[in-house]
Amino acid sequence: LPVAPQIEVSSPSIEGVNSISRDLGFLVNELQGRFLEQLSQIHADVSSLEGRVRSLALTMHCPVQARTGGEAGDNIFPDSQVYLSLRKVQHYLENFLLNKDKLKVC
């Protein structure tokens, strides 16, 4: 069998604690739902990180957006969806680490 091509994902720009909290909230939503059993630890870690960033933003008196709700829709290729969700989390966190010194406060 041929090797599957690398799936490229993009991340939104990381600007400050507000954008980080918002983006982590989107990733939490994507990780929940019918795949939560397979991704429970990653979901818990990303959710915890989102909560800590949100608390930091509130402590710094940054305007914080309301948490977004909802969950990812059904997918007829659940393994592909799980892989794509994990790639998004990985790519976002790698991008965050590369740009952490360039962040604005809010």
PDB file of N, CA and C in Angstrom:
ATOM      1  N   LEU A   1       0.830  -1.187   0.000  1.00  0.00           N
ATOM      2  CA  LEU A   1       0.000   0.000   0.000  1.00  0.00           C
ATOM      3  C   LEU A   1       0.873   1.248   0.000  1.00  0.00           C
ATOM      4  N   PRO A   2       0.461   2.247  -0.758  1.00  0.00           N
ATOM      5  CA  PRO A   2       1.225   3.499  -0.750  1.00  0.00           C
ATOM      6  C   PRO A   2       1.037   4.233   0.571  1.00  0.00           C
ATOM      7  N   VAL A   3       2.029   4.996   0.931  1.00  0.00           N
ATOM      8  CA  VAL A   3       1.978   5.796   2.155  1.00  0.00           C
ATOM      9  C   VAL A   3       1.008   6.949   1.942  1.00  0.00           C
ATOM     10  N   ALA A   4       0.173   7.176   2.935  1.00  0.00           N
ATOM     11  CA  ALA A   4      -0.789   8.278   2.851  1.00  0.00           C
ATOM     12  C   ALA A   4      -0.045   9.606   2.843  1.00  0.00           C
ATOM     13  N   PRO A   5      -0.522  10.565   2.056  1.00  0.00           N
ATOM     14  CA  PRO A   5       0.137  11.873   2.035  1.00  0.00           C
ATOM     15  C   PRO A   5      -0.024  12.590   3.365  1.00  0.00           C
ATOM     16  N   GLN A   6       0.948  13.415   3.689  1.00  0.00           N
ATOM     17  CA  GLN A   6       0.902  14.219   4.901  1.00  0.00           C
ATOM     18  C   GLN A   6      -0.239  15.219   4.790  1.00  0.00           C
ATOM     19  N   ILE A   7      -1.065  15.294   5.794  1.00  0.00           N
ATOM     20  CA  ILE A   7      -2.170  16.242   5.804  1.00  0.00           C
ATOM     21  C   ILE A   7      -1.667  17.549   6.393  1.00  0.00           C
ATOM     22  N   GLU A   8      -1.803  18.611   5.645  1.00  0.00           N
ATOM     23  CA  GLU A   8      -1.389  19.930   6.108  1.00  0.00           C
ATOM     24  C   GLU A   8      -2.571  20.627   6.771  1.00  0.00           C
ATOM     25  N   VAL A   9      -2.333  21.214   7.903  1.00  0.00           N
ATOM     26  CA  VAL A   9      -3.354  21.999   8.584  1.00  0.00           C
ATOM     27  C   VAL A   9      -2.801  23.392   8.818  1.00  0.00           C
ATOM     28  N   SER A  10      -3.686  24.334   8.951  1.00  0.00           N
ATOM     29  CA  SER A  10      -3.246  25.702   9.223  1.00  0.00           C
ATOM     30  C   SER A  10      -3.788  26.121  10.584  1.00  0.00           C
ATOM     31  N   SER A  11      -3.117  27.059  11.188  1.00  0.00           N
ATOM     32  CA  SER A  11      -3.539  27.596  12.473  1.00  0.00           C
ATOM     33  C   SER A  11      -3.799  29.080  12.325  1.00  0.00           C
ATOM     34  N   PRO A  12      -4.747  29.597  13.099  1.00  0.00           N
ATOM     35  CA  PRO A  12      -4.939  31.044  13.094  1.00  0.00           C
ATOM     36  C   PRO A  12      -3.734  31.726  13.720  1.00  0.00           C
ATOM     37  N   SER A  13      -3.587  33.007  13.444  1.00  0.00           N
ATOM     38  CA  SER A  13      -2.458  33.721  14.032  1.00  0.00           C
ATOM     39  C   SER A  13      -2.641  33.812  15.541  1.00  0.00           C
ATOM     40  N   ILE A  14      -1.539  33.708  16.246  1.00  0.00           N
ATOM     41  CA  ILE A  14      -1.543  33.772  17.703  1.00  0.00           C
ATOM     42  C   ILE A  14      -1.068  35.160  18.085  1.00  0.00           C
ATOM     43  N   GLU A  15      -1.964  35.924  18.732  1.00  0.00           N
ATOM     44  CA  GLU A  15      -1.639  37.316  19.018  1.00  0.00           C
ATOM     45  C   GLU A  15      -1.504  37.609  20.505  1.00  0.00           C
ATOM     46  N   GLY A  16      -2.353  37.070  21.316  1.00  0.00           N
ATOM     47  CA  GLY A  16      -2.328  37.345  22.744  1.00  0.00           C
ATOM     48  C   GLY A  16      -3.217  36.367  23.474  1.00  0.00           C
ATOM     49  N   VAL A  17      -3.410  36.578  24.770  1.00  0.00           N
ATOM     50  CA  VAL A  17      -4.170  35.617  25.564  1.00  0.00           C
ATOM     51  C   VAL A  17      -5.609  35.467  25.081  1.00  0.00           C
ATOM     52  N   ASN A  18      -6.203  36.538  24.555  1.00  0.00           N
ATOM     53  CA  ASN A  18      -7.574  36.430  24.048  1.00  0.00           C
ATOM     54  C   ASN A  18      -7.659  35.480  22.864  1.00  0.00           C
ATOM     55  N   SER A  19      -6.768  35.645  21.899  1.00  0.00           N
ATOM     56  CA  SER A  19      -6.819  34.774  20.719  1.00  0.00           C
ATOM     57  C   SER A  19      -6.454  33.341  21.084  1.00  0.00           C
ATOM     58  N   ILE A  20      -5.535  33.169  22.037  1.00  0.00           N
ATOM     59  CA  ILE A  20      -5.161  31.820  22.458  1.00  0.00           C
ATOM     60  C   ILE A  20      -6.351  31.136  23.129  1.00  0.00           C
ATOM     61  N   SER A  21      -7.039  31.843  24.014  1.00  0.00           N
ATOM     62  CA  SER A  21      -8.205  31.283  24.692  1.00  0.00           C
ATOM     63  C   SER A  21      -9.287  30.911  23.681  1.00  0.00           C
ATOM     64  N   ARG A  22      -9.556  31.789  22.738  1.00  0.00           N
ATOM     65  CA  ARG A  22     -10.574  31.535  21.711  1.00  0.00           C
ATOM     66  C   ARG A  22     -10.213  30.295  20.893  1.00  0.00           C
ATOM     67  N   ASP A  23      -8.968  30.237  20.430  1.00  0.00           N
ATOM     68  CA  ASP A  23      -8.544  29.126  19.572  1.00  0.00           C
ATOM     69  C   ASP A  23      -8.534  27.800  20.322  1.00  0.00           C
ATOM     70  N   LEU A  24      -8.088  27.827  21.575  1.00  0.00           N
ATOM     71  CA  LEU A  24      -8.119  26.597  22.372  1.00  0.00           C
ATOM     72  C   LEU A  24      -9.559  26.148  22.599  1.00  0.00           C
ATOM     73  N   GLY A  25     -10.485  27.097  22.760  1.00  0.00           N
ATOM     74  CA  GLY A  25     -11.904  26.756  22.888  1.00  0.00           C
ATOM     75  C   GLY A  25     -12.422  26.043  21.654  1.00  0.00           C
ATOM     76  N   PHE A  26     -12.013  26.519  20.473  1.00  0.00           N
ATOM     77  CA  PHE A  26     -12.410  25.846  19.226  1.00  0.00           C
ATOM     78  C   PHE A  26     -11.850  24.426  19.176  1.00  0.00           C
ATOM     79  N   LEU A  27     -10.597  24.266  19.604  1.00  0.00           N
ATOM     80  CA  LEU A  27      -9.992  22.935  19.594  1.00  0.00           C
ATOM     81  C   LEU A  27     -10.683  22.005  20.599  1.00  0.00           C
ATOM     82  N   VAL A  28     -11.060  22.535  21.756  1.00  0.00           N
ATOM     83  CA  VAL A  28     -11.801  21.732  22.747  1.00  0.00           C
ATOM     84  C   VAL A  28     -13.108  21.243  22.137  1.00  0.00           C
ATOM     85  N   ASN A  29     -13.815  22.152  21.455  1.00  0.00           N
ATOM     86  CA  ASN A  29     -15.074  21.758  20.817  1.00  0.00           C
ATOM     87  C   ASN A  29     -14.853  20.670  19.780  1.00  0.00           C
ATOM     88  N   GLU A  30     -13.799  20.782  19.025  1.00  0.00           N
ATOM     89  CA  GLU A  30     -13.534  19.801  17.990  1.00  0.00           C
ATOM     90  C   GLU A  30     -13.177  18.436  18.578  1.00  0.00           C
ATOM     91  N   LEU A  31     -12.516  18.436  19.723  1.00  0.00           N
ATOM     92  CA  LEU A  31     -12.097  17.182  20.337  1.00  0.00           C
ATOM     93  C   LEU A  31     -13.219  16.476  21.096  1.00  0.00           C
ATOM     94  N   GLN A  32     -14.293  17.174  21.370  1.00  0.00           N
ATOM     95  CA  GLN A  32     -15.378  16.533  22.119  1.00  0.00           C
ATOM     96  C   GLN A  32     -16.346  15.864  21.156  1.00  0.00           C
ATOM     97  N   GLY A  33     -17.381  15.313  21.691  1.00  0.00           N
ATOM     98  CA  GLY A  33     -18.363  14.650  20.856  1.00  0.00           C
ATOM     99  C   GLY A  33     -18.119  13.156  20.809  1.00  0.00           C
ATOM    100  N   ARG A  34     -18.385  12.581  19.676  1.00  0.00           N
ATOM    101  CA  ARG A  34     -18.333  11.123  19.601  1.00  0.00           C
ATOM    102  C   ARG A  34     -16.923  10.565  19.645  1.00  0.00           C
ATOM    103  N   PHE A  35     -15.913  11.389  19.526  1.00  0.00           N
ATOM    104  CA  PHE A  35     -14.535  10.925  19.586  1.00  0.00           C
ATOM    105  C   PHE A  35     -13.926  11.100  20.974  1.00  0.00           C
ATOM    106  N   LEU A  36     -14.705  11.596  21.917  1.00  0.00           N
ATOM    107  CA  LEU A  36     -14.160  11.933  23.233  1.00  0.00           C
ATOM    108  C   LEU A  36     -13.547  10.723  23.930  1.00  0.00           C
ATOM    109  N   GLU A  37     -14.125   9.568  23.739  1.00  0.00           N
ATOM    110  CA  GLU A  37     -13.577   8.369  24.386  1.00  0.00           C
ATOM    111  C   GLU A  37     -12.136   8.122  23.944  1.00  0.00           C
ATOM    112  N   GLN A  38     -11.862   8.305  22.671  1.00  0.00           N
ATOM    113  CA  GLN A  38     -10.521   8.066  22.140  1.00  0.00           C
ATOM    114  C   GLN A  38      -9.557   9.192  22.486  1.00  0.00           C
ATOM    115  N   LEU A  39     -10.078  10.375  22.690  1.00  0.00           N
ATOM    116  CA  LEU A  39      -9.232  11.555  22.869  1.00  0.00           C
ATOM    117  C   LEU A  39      -9.401  12.191  24.247  1.00  0.00           C
ATOM    118  N   SER A  40      -9.873  11.420  25.216  1.00  0.00           N
ATOM    119  CA  SER A  40     -10.255  12.013  26.499  1.00  0.00           C
ATOM    120  C   SER A  40      -9.099  12.733  27.189  1.00  0.00           C
ATOM    121  N   GLN A  41      -7.894  12.164  27.187  1.00  0.00           N
ATOM    122  CA  GLN A  41      -6.777  12.815  27.864  1.00  0.00           C
ATOM    123  C   GLN A  41      -6.355  14.091  27.140  1.00  0.00           C
ATOM    124  N   ILE A  42      -6.305  14.052  25.828  1.00  0.00           N
ATOM    125  CA  ILE A  42      -5.931  15.248  25.050  1.00  0.00           C
ATOM    126  C   ILE A  42      -6.997  16.318  25.227  1.00  0.00           C
ATOM    127  N   HIS A  43      -8.275  15.916  25.205  1.00  0.00           N
ATOM    128  CA  HIS A  43      -9.368  16.855  25.422  1.00  0.00           C
ATOM    129  C   HIS A  43      -9.232  17.512  26.794  1.00  0.00           C
ATOM    130  N   ALA A  44      -8.949  16.703  27.815  1.00  0.00           N
ATOM    131  CA  ALA A  44      -8.798  17.237  29.172  1.00  0.00           C
ATOM    132  C   ALA A  44      -7.631  18.214  29.257  1.00  0.00           C
ATOM    133  N   ASP A  45      -6.512  17.888  28.608  1.00  0.00           N
ATOM    134  CA  ASP A  45      -5.335  18.754  28.650  1.00  0.00           C
ATOM    135  C   ASP A  45      -5.579  20.078  27.936  1.00  0.00           C
ATOM    136  N   VAL A  46      -6.178  20.019  26.750  1.00  0.00           N
ATOM    137  CA  VAL A  46      -6.446  21.249  25.992  1.00  0.00           C
ATOM    138  C   VAL A  46      -7.489  22.087  26.725  1.00  0.00           C
ATOM    139  N   SER A  47      -8.500  21.439  27.290  1.00  0.00           N
ATOM    140  CA  SER A  47      -9.527  22.153  28.043  1.00  0.00           C
ATOM    141  C   SER A  47      -8.927  22.830  29.274  1.00  0.00           C
ATOM    142  N   SER A  48      -8.042  22.129  29.972  1.00  0.00           N
ATOM    143  CA  SER A  48      -7.376  22.704  31.146  1.00  0.00           C
ATOM    144  C   SER A  48      -6.516  23.900  30.746  1.00  0.00           C
ATOM    145  N   LEU A  49      -5.775  23.761  29.654  1.00  0.00           N
ATOM    146  CA  LEU A  49      -4.948  24.866  29.168  1.00  0.00           C
ATOM    147  C   LEU A  49      -5.813  26.060  28.796  1.00  0.00           C
ATOM    148  N   GLU A  50      -6.947  25.811  28.146  1.00  0.00           N
ATOM    149  CA  GLU A  50      -7.860  26.901  27.780  1.00  0.00           C
ATOM    150  C   GLU A  50      -8.366  27.609  29.033  1.00  0.00           C
ATOM    151  N   GLY A  51      -8.702  26.848  30.072  1.00  0.00           N
ATOM    152  CA  GLY A  51      -9.167  27.453  31.324  1.00  0.00           C
ATOM    153  C   GLY A  51      -8.098  28.294  31.987  1.00  0.00           C
ATOM    154  N   ARG A  52      -6.862  27.823  31.960  1.00  0.00           N
ATOM    155  CA  ARG A  52      -5.765  28.585  32.571  1.00  0.00           C
ATOM    156  C   ARG A  52      -5.495  29.882  31.801  1.00  0.00           C
ATOM    157  N   VAL A  53      -5.544  29.803  30.479  1.00  0.00           N
ATOM    158  CA  VAL A  53      -5.329  31.008  29.666  1.00  0.00           C
ATOM    159  C   VAL A  53      -6.474  31.994  29.895  1.00  0.00           C
ATOM    160  N   ARG A  54      -7.701  31.481  29.986  1.00  0.00           N
ATOM    161  CA  ARG A  54      -8.860  32.339  30.253  1.00  0.00           C
ATOM    162  C   ARG A  54      -8.720  33.030  31.612  1.00  0.00           C
ATOM    163  N   SER A  55      -8.303  32.280  32.625  1.00  0.00           N
ATOM    164  CA  SER A  55      -8.093  32.871  33.961  1.00  0.00           C
ATOM    165  C   SER A  55      -6.996  33.932  33.928  1.00  0.00           C
ATOM    166  N   LEU A  56      -5.928  33.657  33.203  1.00  0.00           N
ATOM    167  CA  LEU A  56      -4.848  34.628  33.063  1.00  0.00           C
ATOM    168  C   LEU A  56      -5.365  35.904  32.411  1.00  0.00           C
ATOM    169  N   ALA A  57      -6.170  35.755  31.358  1.00  0.00           N
ATOM    170  CA  ALA A  57      -6.723  36.925  30.668  1.00  0.00           C
ATOM    171  C   ALA A  57      -7.589  37.746  31.616  1.00  0.00           C
ATOM    172  N   LEU A  58      -8.412  37.083  32.407  1.00  0.00           N
ATOM    173  CA  LEU A  58      -9.265  37.803  33.359  1.00  0.00           C
ATOM    174  C   LEU A  58      -8.437  38.500  34.427  1.00  0.00           C
ATOM    175  N   THR A  59      -7.381  37.853  34.893  1.00  0.00           N
ATOM    176  CA  THR A  59      -6.491  38.448  35.896  1.00  0.00           C
ATOM    177  C   THR A  59      -5.813  39.697  35.349  1.00  0.00           C
ATOM    178  N   MET A  60      -5.516  39.680  34.050  1.00  0.00           N
ATOM    179  CA  MET A  60      -4.834  40.807  33.407  1.00  0.00           C
ATOM    180  C   MET A  60      -5.819  41.849  32.884  1.00  0.00           C
ATOM    181  N   HIS A  61      -7.123  41.669  33.216  1.00  0.00           N
ATOM    182  CA  HIS A  61      -8.184  42.596  32.811  1.00  0.00           C
ATOM    183  C   HIS A  61      -8.306  42.699  31.294  1.00  0.00           C
ATOM    184  N   CYS A  62      -8.056  41.601  30.605  1.00  0.00           N
ATOM    185  CA  CYS A  62      -8.254  41.559  29.153  1.00  0.00           C
ATOM    186  C   CYS A  62      -9.719  41.225  28.885  1.00  0.00           C
ATOM    187  N   PRO A  63     -10.304  41.822  27.864  1.00  0.00           N
ATOM    188  CA  PRO A  63     -11.684  41.459  27.524  1.00  0.00           C
ATOM    189  C   PRO A  63     -11.689  40.017  26.993  1.00  0.00           C
ATOM    190  N   VAL A  64     -12.515  39.177  27.598  1.00  0.00           N
ATOM    191  CA  VAL A  64     -12.559  37.767  27.233  1.00  0.00           C
ATOM    192  C   VAL A  64     -13.893  37.469  26.561  1.00  0.00           C
ATOM    193  N   GLN A  65     -13.836  36.793  25.420  1.00  0.00           N
ATOM    194  CA  GLN A  65     -15.048  36.408  24.713  1.00  0.00           C
ATOM    195  C   GLN A  65     -15.735  35.264  25.452  1.00  0.00           C
ATOM    196  N   ALA A  66     -17.048  35.191  25.296  1.00  0.00           N
ATOM    197  CA  ALA A  66     -17.788  34.081  25.885  1.00  0.00           C
ATOM    198  C   ALA A  66     -17.331  32.783  25.234  1.00  0.00           C
ATOM    199  N   ARG A  67     -17.372  31.718  26.005  1.00  0.00           N
ATOM    200  CA  ARG A  67     -16.975  30.412  25.460  1.00  0.00           C
ATOM    201  C   ARG A  67     -17.926  30.017  24.351  1.00  0.00           C
ATOM    202  N   THR A  68     -17.357  29.436  23.323  1.00  0.00           N
ATOM    203  CA  THR A  68     -18.185  28.965  22.215  1.00  0.00           C
ATOM    204  C   THR A  68     -18.722  27.586  22.557  1.00  0.00           C
ATOM    205  N   GLY A  69     -19.898  27.284  22.085  1.00  0.00           N
ATOM    206  CA  GLY A  69     -20.505  25.980  22.342  1.00  0.00           C
ATOM    207  C   GLY A  69     -20.517  25.145  21.082  1.00  0.00           C
ATOM    208  N   GLY A  70     -21.116  24.011  21.198  1.00  0.00           N
ATOM    209  CA  GLY A  70     -21.258  23.141  20.043  1.00  0.00           C
ATOM    210  C   GLY A  70     -20.213  22.063  20.008  1.00  0.00           C
ATOM    211  N   GLU A  71     -20.469  21.107  19.155  1.00  0.00           N
ATOM    212  CA  GLU A  71     -19.517  20.024  18.986  1.00  0.00           C
ATOM    213  C   GLU A  71     -19.380  19.714  17.516  1.00  0.00           C
ATOM    214  N   ALA A  72     -18.348  19.000  17.189  1.00  0.00           N
ATOM    215  CA  ALA A  72     -18.096  18.651  15.799  1.00  0.00           C
ATOM    216  C   ALA A  72     -19.218  17.764  15.276  1.00  0.00           C
ATOM    217  N   GLY A  73     -19.528  17.917  14.023  1.00  0.00           N
ATOM    218  CA  GLY A  73     -20.579  17.125  13.402  1.00  0.00           C
ATOM    219  C   GLY A  73     -20.141  15.699  13.139  1.00  0.00           C
ATOM    220  N   ASP A  74     -21.089  14.877  12.730  1.00  0.00           N
ATOM    221  CA  ASP A  74     -20.784  13.492  12.400  1.00  0.00           C
ATOM    222  C   ASP A  74     -19.871  13.440  11.195  1.00  0.00           C
ATOM    223  N   ASN A  75     -19.093  12.406  11.145  1.00  0.00           N
ATOM    224  CA  ASN A  75     -18.159  12.237  10.047  1.00  0.00           C
ATOM    225  C   ASN A  75     -18.190  10.775   9.630  1.00  0.00           C
ATOM    226  N   ILE A  76     -18.281  10.513   8.346  1.00  0.00           N
ATOM    227  CA  ILE A  76     -18.349   9.129   7.890  1.00  0.00           C
ATOM    228  C   ILE A  76     -16.984   8.462   7.891  1.00  0.00           C
ATOM    229  N   PHE A  77     -15.925   9.232   8.139  1.00  0.00           N
ATOM    230  CA  PHE A  77     -14.578   8.697   8.240  1.00  0.00           C
ATOM    231  C   PHE A  77     -14.011   9.056   9.615  1.00  0.00           C
ATOM    232  N   PRO A  78     -14.470   8.385  10.667  1.00  0.00           N
ATOM    233  CA  PRO A  78     -14.075   8.816  12.021  1.00  0.00           C
ATOM    234  C   PRO A  78     -12.578   8.760  12.270  1.00  0.00           C
ATOM    235  N   ASP A  79     -11.867   7.775  11.717  1.00  0.00           N
ATOM    236  CA  ASP A  79     -10.420   7.716  11.938  1.00  0.00           C
ATOM    237  C   ASP A  79      -9.726   8.924  11.328  1.00  0.00           C
ATOM    238  N   SER A  80     -10.170   9.332  10.155  1.00  0.00           N
ATOM    239  CA  SER A  80      -9.597  10.518   9.514  1.00  0.00           C
ATOM    240  C   SER A  80      -9.882  11.764  10.324  1.00  0.00           C
ATOM    241  N   GLN A  81     -11.086  11.857  10.883  1.00  0.00           N
ATOM    242  CA  GLN A  81     -11.452  13.024  11.681  1.00  0.00           C
ATOM    243  C   GLN A  81     -10.614  13.091  12.947  1.00  0.00           C
ATOM    244  N   VAL A  82     -10.400  11.947  13.592  1.00  0.00           N
ATOM    245  CA  VAL A  82      -9.574  11.916  14.798  1.00  0.00           C
ATOM    246  C   VAL A  82      -8.158  12.368  14.460  1.00  0.00           C
ATOM    247  N   TYR A  83      -7.601  11.819  13.386  1.00  0.00           N
ATOM    248  CA  TYR A  83      -6.239  12.187  12.972  1.00  0.00           C
ATOM    249  C   TYR A  83      -6.152  13.676  12.671  1.00  0.00           C
ATOM    250  N   LEU A  84      -7.114  14.196  11.940  1.00  0.00           N
ATOM    251  CA  LEU A  84      -7.100  15.616  11.586  1.00  0.00           C
ATOM    252  C   LEU A  84      -7.215  16.492  12.837  1.00  0.00           C
ATOM    253  N   SER A  85      -8.064  16.110  13.767  1.00  0.00           N
ATOM    254  CA  SER A  85      -8.194  16.879  15.009  1.00  0.00           C
ATOM    255  C   SER A  85      -6.881  16.887  15.786  1.00  0.00           C
ATOM    256  N   LEU A  86      -6.235  15.747  15.864  1.00  0.00           N
ATOM    257  CA  LEU A  86      -4.953  15.673  16.569  1.00  0.00           C
ATOM    258  C   LEU A  86      -3.883  16.495  15.867  1.00  0.00           C
ATOM    259  N   ARG A  87      -3.871  16.494  14.543  1.00  0.00           N
ATOM    260  CA  ARG A  87      -2.909  17.303  13.787  1.00  0.00           C
ATOM    261  C   ARG A  87      -3.137  18.792  14.049  1.00  0.00           C
ATOM    262  N   LYS A  88      -4.404  19.200  14.134  1.00  0.00           N
ATOM    263  CA  LYS A  88      -4.709  20.606  14.408  1.00  0.00           C
ATOM    264  C   LYS A  88      -4.176  21.017  15.776  1.00  0.00           C
ATOM    265  N   VAL A  89      -4.411  20.171  16.776  1.00  0.00           N
ATOM    266  CA  VAL A  89      -3.910  20.474  18.121  1.00  0.00           C
ATOM    267  C   VAL A  89      -2.389  20.552  18.100  1.00  0.00           C
ATOM    268  N   GLN A  90      -1.752  19.565  17.492  1.00  0.00           N
ATOM    269  CA  GLN A  90      -0.284  19.540  17.424  1.00  0.00           C
ATOM    270  C   GLN A  90       0.250  20.771  16.709  1.00  0.00           C
ATOM    271  N   HIS A  91      -0.317  21.103  15.569  1.00  0.00           N
ATOM    272  CA  HIS A  91       0.162  22.244  14.787  1.00  0.00           C
ATOM    273  C   HIS A  91      -0.023  23.548  15.563  1.00  0.00           C
ATOM    274  N   TYR A  92      -1.174  23.705  16.220  1.00  0.00           N
ATOM    275  CA  TYR A  92      -1.427  24.923  16.978  1.00  0.00           C
ATOM    276  C   TYR A  92      -0.423  25.078  18.114  1.00  0.00           C
ATOM    277  N   LEU A  93      -0.197  24.015  18.863  1.00  0.00           N
ATOM    278  CA  LEU A  93       0.732  24.100  19.994  1.00  0.00           C
ATOM    279  C   LEU A  93       2.171  24.315  19.532  1.00  0.00           C
ATOM    280  N   GLU A  94       2.562  23.701  18.425  1.00  0.00           N
ATOM    281  CA  GLU A  94       3.904  23.953  17.883  1.00  0.00           C
ATOM    282  C   GLU A  94       4.046  25.402  17.454  1.00  0.00           C
ATOM    283  N   ASN A  95       3.025  25.942  16.794  1.00  0.00           N
ATOM    284  CA  ASN A  95       3.032  27.339  16.365  1.00  0.00           C
ATOM    285  C   ASN A  95       3.076  28.269  17.572  1.00  0.00           C
ATOM    286  N   PHE A  96       2.344  27.921  18.607  1.00  0.00           N
ATOM    287  CA  PHE A  96       2.359  28.710  19.843  1.00  0.00           C
ATOM    288  C   PHE A  96       3.765  28.759  20.432  1.00  0.00           C
ATOM    289  N   LEU A  97       4.422  27.616  20.527  1.00  0.00           N
ATOM    290  CA  LEU A  97       5.773  27.576  21.089  1.00  0.00           C
ATOM    291  C   LEU A  97       6.763  28.387  20.261  1.00  0.00           C
ATOM    292  N   LEU A  98       6.606  28.356  18.955  1.00  0.00           N
ATOM    293  CA  LEU A  98       7.514  29.107  18.082  1.00  0.00           C
ATOM    294  C   LEU A  98       7.321  30.615  18.209  1.00  0.00           C
ATOM    295  N   ASN A  99       6.123  31.041  18.582  1.00  0.00           N
ATOM    296  CA  ASN A  99       5.807  32.470  18.602  1.00  0.00           C
ATOM    297  C   ASN A  99       5.552  33.031  19.989  1.00  0.00           C
ATOM    298  N   LYS A 100       5.839  32.275  21.030  1.00  0.00           N
ATOM    299  CA  LYS A 100       5.493  32.721  22.379  1.00  0.00           C
ATOM    300  C   LYS A 100       6.191  34.020  22.785  1.00  0.00           C
ATOM    301  N   ASP A 101       7.348  34.311  22.234  1.00  0.00           N
ATOM    302  CA  ASP A 101       8.062  35.535  22.586  1.00  0.00           C
ATOM    303  C   ASP A 101       7.525  36.768  21.864  1.00  0.00           C
ATOM    304  N   LYS A 102       6.659  36.560  20.883  1.00  0.00           N
ATOM    305  CA  LYS A 102       6.129  37.669  20.076  1.00  0.00           C
ATOM    306  C   LYS A 102       4.712  38.064  20.462  1.00  0.00           C
ATOM    307  N   LEU A 103       4.177  37.499  21.537  1.00  0.00           N
ATOM    308  CA  LEU A 103       2.779  37.710  21.893  1.00  0.00           C
ATOM    309  C   LEU A 103       2.536  39.079  22.495  1.00  0.00           C
ATOM    310  N   LYS A 104       1.384  39.634  22.144  1.00  0.00           N
ATOM    311  CA  LYS A 104       0.887  40.833  22.826  1.00  0.00           C
ATOM    312  C   LYS A 104       0.228  40.357  24.112  1.00  0.00           C
ATOM    313  N   VAL A 105       0.025  41.256  25.056  1.00  0.00           N
ATOM    314  CA  VAL A 105      -0.584  40.877  26.324  1.00  0.00           C
ATOM    315  C   VAL A 105      -2.030  40.440  26.096  1.00  0.00           C
ATOM    316  N   CYS A 106      -2.847  41.308  25.539  1.00  0.00           N
ATOM    317  CA  CYS A 106      -4.254  40.972  25.320  1.00  0.00           C
ATOM    318  C   CYS A 106      -4.449  40.715  23.847  1.00  0.00           C
TER     319      CYS A 106
END
